[in-house]
Amino acid sequence: MIVMAAAASVITTKWPYILRTSGTLPQSAATIAQWAAKNGAAKMYS
């Protein structure tokens, strides 16, 4: 099975034959936070 837009990481642990083509929300947040910190952002809100 191919899941195109699954944001939860648990999906790949439930079935032995699954491919997730998107990343998890923490992966996206970490990348954005690192970029924001390097570019002078001092405070973050979500």
PDB file of N, CA and C in Angstrom:
ATOM      1  N   MET A   1       0.841  -1.165   0.000  1.00  0.00           N
ATOM      2  CA  MET A   1       0.000   0.000   0.000  1.00  0.00           C
ATOM      3  C   MET A   1       0.893   1.237   0.000  1.00  0.00           C
ATOM      4  N   ILE A   2       0.504   2.256  -0.721  1.00  0.00           N
ATOM      5  CA  ILE A   2       1.218   3.527  -0.755  1.00  0.00           C
ATOM      6  C   ILE A   2       0.308   4.587  -0.150  1.00  0.00           C
ATOM      7  N   VAL A   3       0.802   5.273   0.860  1.00  0.00           N
ATOM      8  CA  VAL A   3       0.051   6.342   1.513  1.00  0.00           C
ATOM      9  C   VAL A   3       0.717   7.657   1.120  1.00  0.00           C
ATOM     10  N   MET A   4      -0.017   8.508   0.448  1.00  0.00           N
ATOM     11  CA  MET A   4       0.569   9.722  -0.118  1.00  0.00           C
ATOM     12  C   MET A   4       0.720  10.870   0.879  1.00  0.00           C
ATOM     13  N   ALA A   5      -0.200  11.043   1.813  1.00  0.00           N
ATOM     14  CA  ALA A   5      -0.176  12.229   2.683  1.00  0.00           C
ATOM     15  C   ALA A   5      -0.407  11.864   4.139  1.00  0.00           C
ATOM     16  N   ALA A   6       0.345  10.936   4.655  1.00  0.00           N
ATOM     17  CA  ALA A   6       0.209  10.525   6.049  1.00  0.00           C
ATOM     18  C   ALA A   6       1.242  11.254   6.890  1.00  0.00           C
ATOM     19  N   ALA A   7       0.781  12.016   7.853  1.00  0.00           N
ATOM     20  CA  ALA A   7       1.698  12.797   8.675  1.00  0.00           C
ATOM     21  C   ALA A   7       2.122  12.069   9.952  1.00  0.00           C
ATOM     22  N   ALA A   8       1.463  11.010  10.296  1.00  0.00           N
ATOM     23  CA  ALA A   8       1.782  10.286  11.530  1.00  0.00           C
ATOM     24  C   ALA A   8       2.802   9.181  11.263  1.00  0.00           C
ATOM     25  N   SER A   9       3.774   9.069  12.143  1.00  0.00           N
ATOM     26  CA  SER A   9       4.813   8.058  11.948  1.00  0.00           C
ATOM     27  C   SER A   9       4.342   6.655  12.302  1.00  0.00           C
ATOM     28  N   VAL A  10       3.287   6.529  13.098  1.00  0.00           N
ATOM     29  CA  VAL A  10       2.803   5.213  13.535  1.00  0.00           C
ATOM     30  C   VAL A  10       2.252   4.381  12.369  1.00  0.00           C
ATOM     31  N   ILE A  11       1.870   5.017  11.297  1.00  0.00           N
ATOM     32  CA  ILE A  11       1.265   4.314  10.164  1.00  0.00           C
ATOM     33  C   ILE A  11       2.199   3.237   9.616  1.00  0.00           C
ATOM     34  N   THR A  12       3.474   3.534   9.550  1.00  0.00           N
ATOM     35  CA  THR A  12       4.411   2.562   8.981  1.00  0.00           C
ATOM     36  C   THR A  12       4.718   1.408   9.927  1.00  0.00           C
ATOM     37  N   THR A  13       4.342   1.507  11.184  1.00  0.00           N
ATOM     38  CA  THR A  13       4.583   0.419  12.134  1.00  0.00           C
ATOM     39  C   THR A  13       3.421  -0.557  12.216  1.00  0.00           C
ATOM     40  N   LYS A  14       2.290  -0.221  11.655  1.00  0.00           N
ATOM     41  CA  LYS A  14       1.080  -1.045  11.782  1.00  0.00           C
ATOM     42  C   LYS A  14       0.957  -2.125  10.708  1.00  0.00           C
ATOM     43  N   TRP A  15       1.548  -1.909   9.540  1.00  0.00           N
ATOM     44  CA  TRP A  15       1.426  -2.854   8.440  1.00  0.00           C
ATOM     45  C   TRP A  15       2.819  -3.160   7.873  1.00  0.00           C
ATOM     46  N   PRO A  16       3.092  -4.390   7.511  1.00  0.00           N
ATOM     47  CA  PRO A  16       4.436  -4.739   7.034  1.00  0.00           C
ATOM     48  C   PRO A  16       4.744  -4.237   5.616  1.00  0.00           C
ATOM     49  N   TYR A  17       3.721  -4.008   4.807  1.00  0.00           N
ATOM     50  CA  TYR A  17       3.947  -3.610   3.409  1.00  0.00           C
ATOM     51  C   TYR A  17       3.300  -2.256   3.158  1.00  0.00           C
ATOM     52  N   ILE A  18       3.953  -1.202   3.611  1.00  0.00           N
ATOM     53  CA  ILE A  18       3.403   0.145   3.426  1.00  0.00           C
ATOM     54  C   ILE A  18       4.543   1.106   3.089  1.00  0.00           C
ATOM     55  N   LEU A  19       4.263   2.060   2.231  1.00  0.00           N
ATOM     56  CA  LEU A  19       5.229   3.079   1.840  1.00  0.00           C
ATOM     57  C   LEU A  19       4.597   4.439   2.098  1.00  0.00           C
ATOM     58  N   ARG A  20       5.221   5.239   2.933  1.00  0.00           N
ATOM     59  CA  ARG A  20       4.729   6.595   3.203  1.00  0.00           C
ATOM     60  C   ARG A  20       5.589   7.560   2.414  1.00  0.00           C
ATOM     61  N   THR A  21       4.993   8.355   1.546  1.00  0.00           N
ATOM     62  CA  THR A  21       5.756   9.256   0.685  1.00  0.00           C
ATOM     63  C   THR A  21       5.915  10.646   1.286  1.00  0.00           C
ATOM     64  N   SER A  22       5.322  10.895   2.429  1.00  0.00           N
ATOM     65  CA  SER A  22       5.453  12.201   3.074  1.00  0.00           C
ATOM     66  C   SER A  22       6.187  12.041   4.403  1.00  0.00           C
ATOM     67  N   GLY A  23       6.574  13.153   4.995  1.00  0.00           N
ATOM     68  CA  GLY A  23       7.266  13.117   6.278  1.00  0.00           C
ATOM     69  C   GLY A  23       6.311  13.296   7.439  1.00  0.00           C
ATOM     70  N   THR A  24       6.847  13.175   8.639  1.00  0.00           N
ATOM     71  CA  THR A  24       6.031  13.379   9.835  1.00  0.00           C
ATOM     72  C   THR A  24       6.016  14.859  10.199  1.00  0.00           C
ATOM     73  N   LEU A  25       5.081  15.249  11.014  1.00  0.00           N
ATOM     74  CA  LEU A  25       4.992  16.645  11.430  1.00  0.00           C
ATOM     75  C   LEU A  25       6.236  17.093  12.208  1.00  0.00           C
ATOM     76  N   PRO A  26       6.775  16.273  13.130  1.00  0.00           N
ATOM     77  CA  PRO A  26       8.007  16.700  13.807  1.00  0.00           C
ATOM     78  C   PRO A  26       9.181  16.904  12.842  1.00  0.00           C
ATOM     79  N   GLN A  27       9.261  16.129  11.780  1.00  0.00           N
ATOM     80  CA  GLN A  27      10.337  16.320  10.802  1.00  0.00           C
ATOM     81  C   GLN A  27      10.209  17.689  10.136  1.00  0.00           C
ATOM     82  N   SER A  28       9.003  18.074   9.789  1.00  0.00           N
ATOM     83  CA  SER A  28       8.781  19.386   9.168  1.00  0.00           C
ATOM     84  C   SER A  28       9.060  20.508  10.152  1.00  0.00           C
ATOM     85  N   ALA A  29       8.575  20.369  11.381  1.00  0.00           N
ATOM     86  CA  ALA A  29       8.747  21.412  12.387  1.00  0.00           C
ATOM     87  C   ALA A  29      10.215  21.620  12.715  1.00  0.00           C
ATOM     88  N   ALA A  30      10.975  20.550  12.827  1.00  0.00           N
ATOM     89  CA  ALA A  30      12.400  20.670  13.148  1.00  0.00           C
ATOM     90  C   ALA A  30      13.144  21.410  12.046  1.00  0.00           C
ATOM     91  N   THR A  31      12.829  21.116  10.800  1.00  0.00           N
ATOM     92  CA  THR A  31      13.483  21.781   9.674  1.00  0.00           C
ATOM     93  C   THR A  31      13.155  23.267   9.651  1.00  0.00           C
ATOM     94  N   ILE A  32      11.898  23.604   9.852  1.00  0.00           N
ATOM     95  CA  ILE A  32      11.484  25.012   9.845  1.00  0.00           C
ATOM     96  C   ILE A  32      12.100  25.752  11.026  1.00  0.00           C
ATOM     97  N   ALA A  33      12.144  25.114  12.198  1.00  0.00           N
ATOM     98  CA  ALA A  33      12.713  25.753  13.393  1.00  0.00           C
ATOM     99  C   ALA A  33      14.195  26.036  13.212  1.00  0.00           C
ATOM    100  N   GLN A  34      14.929  25.087  12.630  1.00  0.00           N
ATOM    101  CA  GLN A  34      16.353  25.306  12.395  1.00  0.00           C
ATOM    102  C   GLN A  34      16.572  26.472  11.429  1.00  0.00           C
ATOM    103  N   TRP A  35      15.784  26.533  10.376  1.00  0.00           N
ATOM    104  CA  TRP A  35      15.902  27.627   9.415  1.00  0.00           C
ATOM    105  C   TRP A  35      15.578  28.964  10.077  1.00  0.00           C
ATOM    106  N   ALA A  36      14.497  29.006  10.862  1.00  0.00           N
ATOM    107  CA  ALA A  36      14.081  30.248  11.516  1.00  0.00           C
ATOM    108  C   ALA A  36      15.140  30.727  12.504  1.00  0.00           C
ATOM    109  N   ALA A  37      15.721  29.822  13.272  1.00  0.00           N
ATOM    110  CA  ALA A  37      16.752  30.199  14.235  1.00  0.00           C
ATOM    111  C   ALA A  37      17.980  30.770  13.523  1.00  0.00           C
ATOM    112  N   LYS A  38      18.370  30.187  12.410  1.00  0.00           N
ATOM    113  CA  LYS A  38      19.526  30.678  11.654  1.00  0.00           C
ATOM    114  C   LYS A  38      19.259  32.039  11.021  1.00  0.00           C
ATOM    115  N   ASN A  39      17.969  32.345  10.819  1.00  0.00           N
ATOM    116  CA  ASN A  39      17.605  33.596  10.162  1.00  0.00           C
ATOM    117  C   ASN A  39      17.078  34.642  11.144  1.00  0.00           C
ATOM    118  N   GLY A  40      17.402  34.479  12.434  1.00  0.00           N
ATOM    119  CA  GLY A  40      17.131  35.533  13.404  1.00  0.00           C
ATOM    120  C   GLY A  40      15.816  35.474  14.155  1.00  0.00           C
ATOM    121  N   ALA A  41      15.026  34.454  13.985  1.00  0.00           N
ATOM    122  CA  ALA A  41      13.765  34.370  14.729  1.00  0.00           C
ATOM    123  C   ALA A  41      14.064  34.071  16.195  1.00  0.00           C
ATOM    124  N   ALA A  42      13.513  34.852  17.080  1.00  0.00           N
ATOM    125  CA  ALA A  42      13.770  34.662  18.513  1.00  0.00           C
ATOM    126  C   ALA A  42      12.602  33.969  19.215  1.00  0.00           C
ATOM    127  N   LYS A  43      11.395  34.173  18.722  1.00  0.00           N
ATOM    128  CA  LYS A  43      10.220  33.569  19.355  1.00  0.00           C
ATOM    129  C   LYS A  43       9.404  32.826  18.318  1.00  0.00           C
ATOM    130  N   MET A  44       8.820  31.695  18.735  1.00  0.00           N
ATOM    131  CA  MET A  44       7.986  30.886  17.846  1.00  0.00           C
ATOM    132  C   MET A  44       6.655  30.623  18.530  1.00  0.00           C
ATOM    133  N   TYR A  45       5.590  30.585  17.777  1.00  0.00           N
ATOM    134  CA  TYR A  45       4.262  30.284  18.290  1.00  0.00           C
ATOM    135  C   TYR A  45       3.603  29.269  17.383  1.00  0.00           C
ATOM    136  N   SER A  46       2.822  28.385  17.974  1.00  0.00           N
ATOM    137  CA  SER A  46       2.087  27.447  17.132  1.00  0.00           C
ATOM    138  C   SER A  46       0.675  27.290  17.635  1.00  0.00           C
TER     139      SER A  46
END
